[in-house]
Protein backbone atom coordinates (compact mmCIF):
# COMPACT_ATOMS: atom_id res chain seq x y z
CA MET A 1 45.63 44.01 -75.49
CA GLN A 2 43.12 46.84 -75.85
CA HIS A 3 41.32 48.08 -72.73
CA PHE A 4 38.03 49.96 -72.70
CA HIS A 5 37.79 52.80 -70.24
CA ILE A 6 34.38 53.52 -68.69
CA PRO A 7 34.04 57.14 -67.61
CA ALA A 8 33.39 57.76 -63.93
CA PHE A 9 30.06 59.43 -64.78
CA TYR A 10 28.64 56.18 -66.19
CA ARG A 11 30.01 54.12 -63.29
CA LYS A 12 28.20 56.39 -60.83
CA LEU A 13 25.02 56.29 -62.91
CA LYS A 14 25.11 52.49 -62.98
CA ILE A 15 25.57 52.32 -59.22
CA LYS A 16 22.67 54.73 -58.68
CA VAL A 17 20.40 52.72 -60.99
CA SER A 18 21.35 49.47 -59.25
CA ILE A 19 20.63 50.96 -55.83
CA LYS A 20 17.22 52.21 -57.00
CA LYS A 21 16.46 48.83 -58.55
CA TRP A 22 17.27 46.82 -55.44
CA THR A 23 15.52 49.35 -53.20
CA ALA A 24 12.33 48.91 -55.26
CA ILE A 25 12.62 45.10 -55.14
CA LEU A 26 13.17 45.08 -51.36
CA ALA A 27 10.26 47.48 -50.85
CA GLY A 28 8.04 45.26 -53.00
CA LEU A 29 8.99 42.17 -51.02
CA PHE A 30 8.28 44.03 -47.79
CA VAL A 31 4.83 45.10 -48.99
CA LEU A 32 4.08 41.60 -50.32
CA SER A 33 5.09 39.97 -47.04
CA ALA A 34 2.98 42.49 -45.16
CA CYS A 35 -0.04 41.70 -47.38
CA ILE A 36 0.42 37.97 -46.87
CA GLU A 37 0.67 38.52 -43.14
CA LEU A 38 -2.55 40.56 -43.18
CA VAL A 39 -4.42 37.85 -45.11
CA THR A 40 -3.26 34.98 -42.97
CA ASP A 41 -3.87 36.86 -39.74
CA ILE A 42 -7.58 37.51 -40.41
CA ASP A 43 -9.62 36.43 -37.39
CA PHE A 44 -13.08 35.38 -38.51
CA PRO A 45 -15.90 36.12 -36.06
CA ASP A 46 -17.67 33.19 -34.48
CA GLN A 47 -20.77 32.08 -36.35
CA ASP A 48 -23.57 29.78 -35.29
CA PRO A 49 -24.55 27.05 -37.76
CA LYS A 50 -27.83 27.56 -39.60
CA VAL A 51 -30.40 25.04 -40.75
CA VAL A 52 -30.01 24.23 -44.45
CA VAL A 53 -33.07 22.94 -46.32
CA HIS A 54 -33.07 21.07 -49.64
CA SER A 55 -36.42 20.00 -51.08
CA PHE A 56 -37.84 19.76 -54.59
CA ILE A 57 -41.43 18.52 -54.86
CA SER A 58 -43.23 17.33 -58.00
CA PRO A 59 -46.32 15.38 -59.12
CA ALA A 60 -43.92 13.23 -61.15
CA ASP A 61 -42.30 11.82 -57.99
CA THR A 62 -43.63 9.06 -55.76
CA VAL A 63 -42.24 10.67 -52.59
CA ALA A 64 -41.93 14.22 -51.26
CA MET A 65 -38.55 14.56 -49.52
CA VAL A 66 -36.81 17.14 -47.35
CA LEU A 67 -33.09 17.04 -46.49
CA LEU A 68 -31.97 18.99 -43.42
CA THR A 69 -28.33 19.70 -42.53
CA TRP A 70 -26.37 22.25 -40.53
CA SER A 71 -24.37 24.89 -42.36
CA LYS A 72 -20.56 24.92 -42.07
CA PRO A 73 -19.24 28.21 -40.60
CA ILE A 74 -15.71 28.90 -41.82
CA SER A 75 -14.61 29.68 -38.27
CA LYS A 76 -15.57 26.25 -36.96
CA PRO A 77 -13.26 23.21 -37.03
CA ASP A 78 -14.39 20.02 -38.74
CA ASN A 79 -16.36 22.03 -41.30
CA GLU A 80 -15.81 19.37 -43.98
CA ARG A 81 -18.27 16.90 -42.46
CA ILE A 82 -21.99 16.96 -43.25
CA HIS A 83 -24.04 17.18 -40.07
CA PHE A 84 -27.55 15.87 -40.66
CA ILE A 85 -30.48 17.08 -38.56
CA GLU A 86 -32.33 14.04 -37.31
CA ASP A 87 -34.65 15.41 -34.60
CA ALA A 88 -36.73 17.98 -36.51
CA THR A 89 -40.47 18.17 -37.05
CA VAL A 90 -41.21 18.64 -40.76
CA GLN A 91 -44.62 19.42 -42.25
CA ILE A 92 -45.91 20.36 -45.71
CA ASN A 93 -49.30 22.04 -46.17
CA ASP A 94 -51.22 22.27 -49.44
CA ARG A 95 -53.23 25.25 -50.66
CA ASP A 96 -56.27 24.23 -48.59
CA GLY A 97 -54.20 23.91 -45.42
CA ASN A 98 -54.18 20.10 -45.40
CA PRO A 99 -51.00 19.00 -43.56
CA ALA A 100 -48.63 16.11 -44.13
CA GLN A 101 -46.14 15.06 -41.45
CA LEU A 102 -42.85 13.83 -42.93
CA GLN A 103 -41.09 10.91 -41.23
CA TYR A 104 -37.32 10.67 -40.79
CA ASP A 105 -35.52 7.83 -42.57
CA PRO A 106 -32.26 7.08 -40.68
CA GLU A 107 -30.79 5.15 -43.62
CA ARG A 108 -31.35 7.85 -46.25
CA LYS A 109 -30.84 10.71 -43.75
CA LEU A 110 -33.94 12.63 -44.91
CA TYR A 111 -37.61 13.25 -44.17
CA SER A 112 -40.26 11.94 -46.55
CA VAL A 113 -43.94 11.22 -47.17
CA SER A 114 -45.44 9.05 -49.90
CA THR A 115 -47.51 10.86 -52.51
CA ASN A 116 -50.11 8.13 -51.98
CA GLU A 117 -50.67 9.69 -48.56
CA PHE A 118 -50.14 13.31 -49.57
CA GLN A 119 -50.59 14.11 -53.25
CA ILE A 120 -48.54 16.84 -54.92
CA ARG A 121 -50.74 18.58 -57.50
CA ALA A 122 -49.88 20.91 -60.33
CA ASP A 123 -50.79 24.59 -60.25
CA GLN A 124 -50.74 24.68 -56.45
CA GLN A 125 -48.79 26.49 -53.76
CA TYR A 126 -47.24 24.50 -50.91
CA GLU A 127 -45.95 25.65 -47.53
CA LEU A 128 -43.07 24.03 -45.65
CA GLN A 129 -42.70 24.24 -41.87
CA VAL A 130 -39.62 22.98 -40.04
CA ASP A 131 -39.11 22.98 -36.28
CA VAL A 132 -35.64 22.18 -34.95
CA PRO A 133 -35.18 22.03 -31.14
CA GLY A 134 -33.49 25.19 -29.90
CA HIS A 135 -33.90 26.97 -33.23
CA PRO A 136 -36.50 29.53 -34.42
CA PRO A 137 -39.26 28.17 -36.72
CA ILE A 138 -38.45 27.83 -40.42
CA HIS A 139 -40.88 28.55 -43.25
CA ALA A 140 -40.79 28.42 -47.04
CA SER A 141 -43.22 28.24 -49.94
CA ALA A 142 -43.05 26.64 -53.38
CA TYR A 143 -45.25 26.60 -56.46
CA VAL A 144 -45.75 23.47 -58.58
CA PRO A 145 -46.38 24.53 -62.21
CA LEU A 146 -48.26 22.74 -64.94
CA ALA A 147 -46.26 20.40 -67.17
CA ASN A 148 -45.33 21.45 -70.70
CA HIS A 149 -45.97 18.64 -73.22
CA SER A 150 -44.62 20.33 -76.35
CA LEU A 151 -41.33 18.39 -76.60
CA THR A 152 -40.52 17.70 -80.25
CA PHE A 153 -37.80 15.45 -81.65
CA GLU A 154 -35.83 17.20 -84.41
CA SER A 155 -32.85 15.02 -85.40
CA LEU A 156 -30.33 12.44 -84.23
CA ASP A 157 -26.89 11.98 -85.82
CA THR A 158 -23.72 10.03 -85.14
CA LEU A 159 -20.58 11.97 -86.01
CA PRO A 160 -17.22 10.19 -86.42
CA GLY A 161 -14.34 11.27 -84.19
CA ALA A 162 -10.66 10.51 -83.83
CA GLY A 163 -11.00 8.58 -80.57
CA SER A 164 -14.72 8.09 -80.21
CA ASP A 165 -17.86 8.86 -82.18
CA ARG A 166 -20.39 11.42 -80.93
CA VAL A 167 -24.15 11.17 -80.73
CA VAL A 168 -25.77 14.56 -81.45
CA LEU A 169 -29.43 15.15 -80.61
CA GLU A 170 -31.62 18.11 -81.52
CA TYR A 171 -35.03 18.74 -79.95
CA SER A 172 -37.31 21.67 -79.22
CA PHE A 173 -40.17 22.83 -77.03
CA THR A 174 -42.61 25.72 -77.19
CA ASP A 175 -43.42 28.06 -74.34
CA GLU A 176 -47.01 28.20 -73.18
CA PRO A 177 -47.46 31.75 -71.82
CA GLY A 178 -49.78 32.35 -68.89
CA GLU A 179 -50.23 34.65 -65.93
CA ARG A 180 -46.91 33.60 -64.40
CA GLU A 181 -43.39 33.76 -65.78
CA ASN A 182 -42.39 30.29 -66.98
CA PHE A 183 -39.12 28.59 -66.12
CA TYR A 184 -37.67 25.49 -67.78
CA ALA A 185 -34.84 23.00 -67.28
CA PRO A 186 -34.43 20.80 -70.39
CA GLY A 187 -32.10 17.82 -70.67
CA ALA A 188 -31.51 14.42 -72.25
CA TYR A 189 -29.71 11.16 -71.56
CA ARG A 190 -28.85 7.96 -73.41
CA GLN A 191 -29.58 4.53 -72.00
CA VAL A 192 -26.94 2.05 -73.14
CA GLU A 193 -25.75 -1.44 -72.38
CA VAL A 194 -22.13 -1.56 -71.30
CA TYR A 195 -19.99 -4.56 -70.62
CA ASP A 196 -19.17 -5.32 -66.99
CA TRP A 197 -15.89 -7.18 -67.39
CA GLU A 198 -15.61 -8.01 -63.67
CA ASN A 199 -18.87 -9.98 -63.74
CA ASP A 200 -18.73 -10.93 -67.45
CA THR A 201 -22.15 -9.46 -68.17
CA THR A 202 -23.82 -6.34 -69.55
CA ARG A 203 -25.67 -3.72 -67.56
CA LEU A 204 -27.79 -0.66 -68.30
CA HIS A 205 -26.12 2.68 -67.88
CA GLN A 206 -27.54 6.20 -68.25
CA ILE A 207 -25.22 8.70 -69.92
CA TRP A 208 -26.17 12.36 -69.56
CA MET A 209 -25.94 14.40 -72.77
CA TYR A 210 -24.34 17.82 -72.27
CA ALA A 211 -25.92 20.84 -73.95
CA THR A 212 -24.00 22.42 -76.84
CA TYR A 213 -26.79 24.79 -77.87
CA GLY A 214 -29.35 26.31 -75.52
CA ASP A 215 -29.25 26.90 -71.78
CA TYR A 216 -29.71 24.44 -68.95
CA TYR A 217 -32.09 26.83 -67.17
CA ILE A 218 -34.43 29.05 -69.18
CA SER A 219 -36.90 31.84 -68.44
CA ASN A 220 -39.58 32.80 -70.95
CA LYS A 221 -39.34 36.49 -70.02
CA GLY A 222 -39.15 38.41 -73.30
CA ASN A 223 -39.68 35.16 -75.26
CA GLU A 224 -43.29 34.38 -74.39
CA GLY A 225 -44.75 31.82 -76.78
CA ASN A 226 -41.44 31.19 -78.56
CA THR A 227 -40.00 27.83 -79.57
CA PHE A 228 -36.64 26.93 -78.01
CA LEU A 229 -34.23 24.73 -79.99
CA MET A 230 -31.86 22.56 -77.98
CA ARG A 231 -28.82 20.53 -79.02
CA ALA A 232 -27.15 17.94 -76.81
CA GLU A 233 -24.43 15.39 -77.41
CA THR A 234 -22.29 12.74 -75.81
CA TYR A 235 -19.52 10.36 -76.78
CA ILE A 236 -20.15 6.72 -77.54
CA TYR A 237 -18.84 4.60 -74.71
CA ASN A 238 -15.81 2.49 -75.69
CA ASP A 239 -14.52 -0.48 -73.70
CA SER A 240 -11.70 -2.60 -75.07
CA PHE A 241 -12.89 -5.52 -72.93
CA GLY A 242 -16.37 -5.45 -74.49
CA PRO A 243 -17.63 -8.46 -76.44
CA ASP A 244 -18.80 -6.42 -79.45
CA GLY A 245 -15.64 -4.68 -80.52
CA GLY A 246 -15.62 -2.22 -77.69
CA GLN A 247 -18.63 0.01 -78.47
CA ASP A 248 -21.69 0.30 -76.31
CA VAL A 249 -25.03 -1.04 -77.53
CA HIS A 250 -27.34 1.76 -78.59
CA GLY A 251 -30.43 2.11 -76.42
CA GLN A 252 -33.23 4.59 -76.12
CA ILE A 253 -32.80 8.31 -75.60
CA SER A 254 -34.96 10.12 -73.07
CA ILE A 255 -35.62 13.85 -73.45
CA LEU A 256 -36.81 15.60 -70.29
CA LEU A 257 -38.42 18.99 -69.84
CA LEU A 258 -38.81 20.27 -66.30
CA THR A 259 -41.20 23.18 -65.82
CA THR A 260 -40.10 24.82 -62.58
CA ASP A 261 -40.99 27.63 -60.22
CA GLU A 262 -38.81 30.71 -59.81
CA HIS A 263 -37.07 29.33 -56.70
CA TYR A 264 -35.80 26.25 -58.59
CA TYR A 265 -34.62 28.46 -61.47
CA ARG A 266 -32.79 31.08 -59.40
CA TYR A 267 -31.15 28.51 -57.11
CA HIS A 268 -29.73 26.44 -59.97
CA ARG A 269 -28.63 29.48 -61.97
CA ALA A 270 -26.62 30.58 -58.94
CA LEU A 271 -25.03 27.13 -58.64
CA GLU A 272 -23.89 27.35 -62.28
CA ASN A 273 -21.52 30.15 -61.26
CA TYR A 274 -20.43 28.60 -57.96
CA TYR A 275 -16.95 27.04 -57.95
CA PRO A 276 -16.00 26.33 -54.32
CA ASP A 277 -12.71 24.63 -55.23
CA ASP A 278 -11.48 27.44 -57.46
CA PHE A 279 -9.42 29.86 -55.36
CA PHE A 280 -9.56 32.56 -58.07
CA SER A 281 -13.32 32.39 -58.72
CA GLU A 282 -15.48 35.33 -57.77
CA PRO A 283 -17.77 34.97 -54.75
CA VAL A 284 -21.34 33.98 -55.57
CA HIS A 285 -24.46 34.60 -53.52
CA VAL A 286 -26.32 31.28 -53.60
CA TYR A 287 -30.05 31.92 -53.78
CA SER A 288 -32.21 30.90 -50.82
CA ASN A 289 -35.95 31.20 -50.16
CA ILE A 290 -35.85 29.74 -46.63
CA ASP A 291 -37.18 32.08 -43.94
CA GLY A 292 -35.13 31.39 -40.81
CA GLY A 293 -32.47 29.27 -42.52
CA LEU A 294 -30.67 28.59 -45.79
CA GLY A 295 -31.30 26.43 -48.83
CA VAL A 296 -34.24 26.02 -51.17
CA PHE A 297 -37.79 24.64 -51.21
CA ALA A 298 -39.01 24.52 -54.82
CA GLY A 299 -41.54 22.87 -57.11
CA TYR A 300 -41.35 21.45 -60.61
CA ASN A 301 -43.25 19.30 -63.10
CA ARG A 302 -41.94 17.01 -65.79
CA SER A 303 -42.68 15.77 -69.27
CA GLU A 304 -40.67 13.15 -71.18
CA LEU A 305 -40.20 12.10 -74.77
CA VAL A 306 -38.56 8.71 -75.45
CA ILE A 307 -36.77 7.96 -78.71
CA GLU A 308 -36.21 4.26 -79.37
């Protein structure tokens, strides 16, 4: 039997390399454990909850509503629950200073006033005042823009797919430049009849069409007077229990165009990049225009085009 002899020089070199290797690994584990200990041992400072306001007003709505909740400081236990504010005084003033007192609805957990009592008008500024016991006064302002009625239907196609067909819609609108910067939020949805197999009947269902071309929130800055082309699509609903071979019954398509103020635009653009459940996502500063609190008070108007 032939034996291979390894010179002593190489045996020493191998031992030295192994020692260096394991020393580096142990040092890395020590540093990693130290980093983990530093992260888990962070002691967050105590924070007091803040008032959070959510309100979007429009001439297209029958009610002006304001939702008030407390923020959830990370240092507080039970920060998963929503704590509604039920004892506030909420008031909206129009441009002429005419006030409207909003009443709290315990079932819906919000404050509201009918637009029959207090009309929301286009091209006006509105002021919100909120008083919460034991908290400094809260103020915010919102502008309700004019509606844009330039929605134009371009095309509607049904494209075959392996599992389900797709409905593809194209539409456009044209910016109407003015003294202010314009902001838009276009969208579309299908209204279909789907089979309710539990009750053996059909019911109407609205299916939102997701945008495949064009943005959900648009500013006309640098594109004043331009026409914006939008494309949206959705899959055709399939139900094997349905009475008509499983496909939904085609209904009308509604195309919506919201003309918004800057507060609405900036708040929703921030939410597009906000992923609270993604540990690896970058932190996002959520826009707020509430003086003395958090949240948003914004205005919008609406136009609609229905395709039968």
